[in-house]
């Protein structure tokens, strides 16, 4: 890391804390059911476009919780060790997740997903932008043609 490493660590840790807060409710079938219900209520209350939240079966809740646990563990790793490598992996992951969110939105899912998409993109650009700036700073000024 470079002189900006303190800022980079804070951004990586901050995005991890955001992920922890947002994904922790999805880490158990019981809390996931409540979180999904709240998303459905938000969809209805705001009269959003797209398909309302469906009823989740125990099998759906199993997978939601499985991925919730993995997201919480990954967030924990980045809170404890906010390294440039972890930030780079997370930025790539956010790009992939944002892509799947755009695909889901294009297929007509609830627009509640837009709030999550905005935060994914913000985390991706904050971490990715600072990582690229740090890398350019480490490599020095670009060489000019003679």
Protein backbone atom coordinates (compact mmCIF):
# COMPACT_ATOMS: atom_id res chain seq x y z
CA UNK A 1 0.00 0.00 0.00
CA UNK A 2 1.07 3.61 -0.50
CA UNK A 3 0.78 6.86 1.43
CA UNK A 4 -2.97 6.65 0.80
CA UNK A 5 -3.05 3.25 2.50
CA UNK A 6 -4.84 4.61 5.57
CA UNK A 7 -7.66 5.93 3.36
CA UNK A 8 -7.72 2.69 1.38
CA UNK A 9 -8.00 0.61 4.57
CA UNK A 10 -10.81 2.85 5.83
CA UNK A 11 -12.73 2.50 2.55
CA UNK A 12 -12.27 -1.28 2.46
CA UNK A 13 -13.28 -1.58 6.12
CA UNK A 14 -16.21 0.80 5.61
CA UNK A 15 -17.58 -1.19 2.68
CA UNK A 16 -17.14 -4.35 4.72
CA UNK A 17 -19.09 -2.83 7.63
CA UNK A 18 -21.85 -1.82 5.22
CA UNK A 19 -21.93 -5.39 3.89
CA UNK A 20 -22.03 -6.76 7.42
CA UNK A 21 -25.02 -4.60 8.36
CA UNK A 22 -26.89 -5.35 5.14
CA UNK A 23 -26.18 -9.09 4.90
CA UNK A 24 -26.36 -10.10 8.57
CA UNK A 25 -30.18 -10.22 8.45
CA UNK A 26 -29.92 -12.78 5.64
CA UNK A 27 -27.64 -15.13 7.59
CA UNK A 28 -30.42 -17.16 9.25
CA UNK A 29 -33.66 -18.45 7.75
CA UNK A 30 -35.70 -16.62 10.41
CA UNK A 31 -34.10 -13.22 9.99
CA UNK A 32 -33.95 -13.65 6.20
CA UNK A 33 -37.68 -14.19 6.14
CA UNK A 34 -38.19 -10.92 8.04
CA UNK A 35 -35.76 -9.02 5.79
CA UNK A 36 -37.42 -10.33 2.64
CA UNK A 37 -40.83 -9.44 4.05
CA UNK A 38 -39.61 -5.89 4.71
CA UNK A 39 -38.39 -5.67 1.13
CA UNK A 40 -41.82 -6.79 -0.06
CA UNK A 41 -43.55 -4.25 2.17
CA UNK A 42 -41.26 -1.51 0.84
CA UNK A 43 -42.12 -2.54 -2.72
CA UNK A 44 -45.84 -2.30 -1.95
CA UNK A 45 -45.64 0.89 0.14
CA UNK A 46 -43.71 2.76 -2.57
CA UNK A 47 -45.78 1.23 -5.42
CA UNK A 48 -42.59 0.26 -7.18
CA UNK A 49 -42.52 -1.31 -10.59
CA UNK A 50 -41.40 -4.85 -11.10
CA UNK A 51 -42.52 -8.12 -9.63
CA UNK A 52 -43.31 -8.04 -5.92
CA UNK A 53 -41.32 -10.27 -3.59
CA UNK A 54 -42.50 -13.88 -3.88
CA UNK A 55 -43.18 -16.14 -0.93
CA UNK A 56 -39.96 -17.98 -0.10
CA UNK A 57 -40.09 -21.70 0.65
CA UNK A 58 -37.74 -23.33 3.18
CA UNK A 59 -35.45 -24.31 0.28
CA UNK A 60 -35.25 -20.70 -0.92
CA UNK A 61 -34.53 -19.53 2.62
CA UNK A 62 -31.78 -22.15 2.91
CA UNK A 63 -29.95 -20.69 -0.08
CA UNK A 64 -30.56 -17.09 1.01
CA UNK A 65 -29.11 -17.95 4.44
CA UNK A 66 -26.20 -19.90 2.96
CA UNK A 67 -25.16 -16.91 0.89
CA UNK A 68 -25.90 -14.56 3.79
CA UNK A 69 -23.44 -16.49 5.97
CA UNK A 70 -20.78 -16.39 3.25
CA UNK A 71 -21.26 -12.64 2.79
CA UNK A 72 -21.02 -12.05 6.54
CA UNK A 73 -17.82 -14.11 6.73
CA UNK A 74 -16.29 -12.22 3.79
CA UNK A 75 -17.23 -8.92 5.40
CA UNK A 76 -15.61 -10.09 8.63
CA UNK A 77 -12.37 -10.88 6.82
CA UNK A 78 -12.28 -7.35 5.36
CA UNK A 79 -13.11 -5.70 8.69
CA UNK A 80 -10.24 -7.55 10.39
CA UNK A 81 -7.77 -7.39 7.46
CA UNK A 82 -8.61 -4.52 5.10
CA UNK A 83 -5.77 -5.23 2.66
CA UNK A 84 -5.42 -3.96 -0.90
CA UNK A 85 -5.81 -7.55 -2.12
CA UNK A 86 -9.09 -7.99 -0.24
CA UNK A 87 -10.28 -4.64 -1.58
CA UNK A 88 -9.41 -5.66 -5.14
CA UNK A 89 -11.21 -8.99 -4.82
CA UNK A 90 -14.20 -7.21 -3.31
CA UNK A 91 -14.29 -4.60 -6.09
CA UNK A 92 -14.38 -7.37 -8.71
CA UNK A 93 -17.06 -9.20 -6.73
CA UNK A 94 -19.13 -6.02 -6.54
CA UNK A 95 -18.86 -5.62 -10.32
CA UNK A 96 -20.17 -9.15 -10.84
CA UNK A 97 -22.98 -8.73 -8.29
CA UNK A 98 -23.95 -5.37 -9.82
CA UNK A 99 -24.10 -7.05 -13.24
CA UNK A 100 -26.48 -9.72 -11.91
CA UNK A 101 -28.59 -6.99 -10.29
CA UNK A 102 -28.88 -5.12 -13.59
CA UNK A 103 -29.84 -8.39 -15.29
CA UNK A 104 -32.49 -9.09 -12.64
CA UNK A 105 -33.86 -5.55 -12.95
CA UNK A 106 -34.02 -5.93 -16.74
CA UNK A 107 -36.06 -9.10 -16.18
CA UNK A 108 -38.64 -7.27 -14.09
CA UNK A 109 -37.78 -7.83 -10.43
CA UNK A 110 -38.80 -5.33 -7.79
CA UNK A 111 -37.13 -1.96 -8.00
CA UNK A 112 -36.20 -2.27 -4.31
CA UNK A 113 -33.07 -3.83 -5.80
CA UNK A 114 -31.99 -0.42 -7.14
CA UNK A 115 -30.97 0.71 -3.63
CA UNK A 116 -28.68 -2.32 -3.34
CA UNK A 117 -27.33 -1.72 -6.85
CA UNK A 118 -26.41 1.89 -6.05
CA UNK A 119 -24.48 0.77 -2.97
CA UNK A 120 -22.70 -2.02 -4.87
CA UNK A 121 -21.58 0.43 -7.52
CA UNK A 122 -20.51 2.99 -4.91
CA UNK A 123 -18.37 0.39 -3.13
CA UNK A 124 -16.94 -0.85 -6.41
CA UNK A 125 -15.96 2.62 -7.62
CA UNK A 126 -14.65 3.79 -4.23
CA UNK A 127 -12.42 0.76 -3.73
CA UNK A 128 -11.52 0.22 -7.37
CA UNK A 129 -10.79 3.87 -8.04
CA UNK A 130 -8.54 4.22 -5.01
CA UNK A 131 -6.77 0.93 -5.78
CA UNK A 132 -6.08 2.09 -9.33
CA UNK A 133 -4.84 5.48 -8.10
CA UNK A 134 -2.62 3.76 -5.54
CA UNK A 135 -1.21 1.47 -8.22
CA UNK A 136 -0.49 4.39 -10.57
CA UNK A 137 1.19 6.29 -7.75
CA UNK A 138 3.39 3.28 -6.98
CA UNK A 139 4.40 2.88 -10.59
CA UNK A 140 5.34 6.55 -10.91
CA UNK A 141 4.45 9.06 -13.55
CA UNK A 142 3.68 7.70 -16.99
CA UNK A 143 6.56 7.64 -19.44
CA UNK A 144 6.14 10.13 -22.31
CA UNK A 145 7.17 9.42 -25.88
CA UNK A 146 10.28 11.22 -27.14
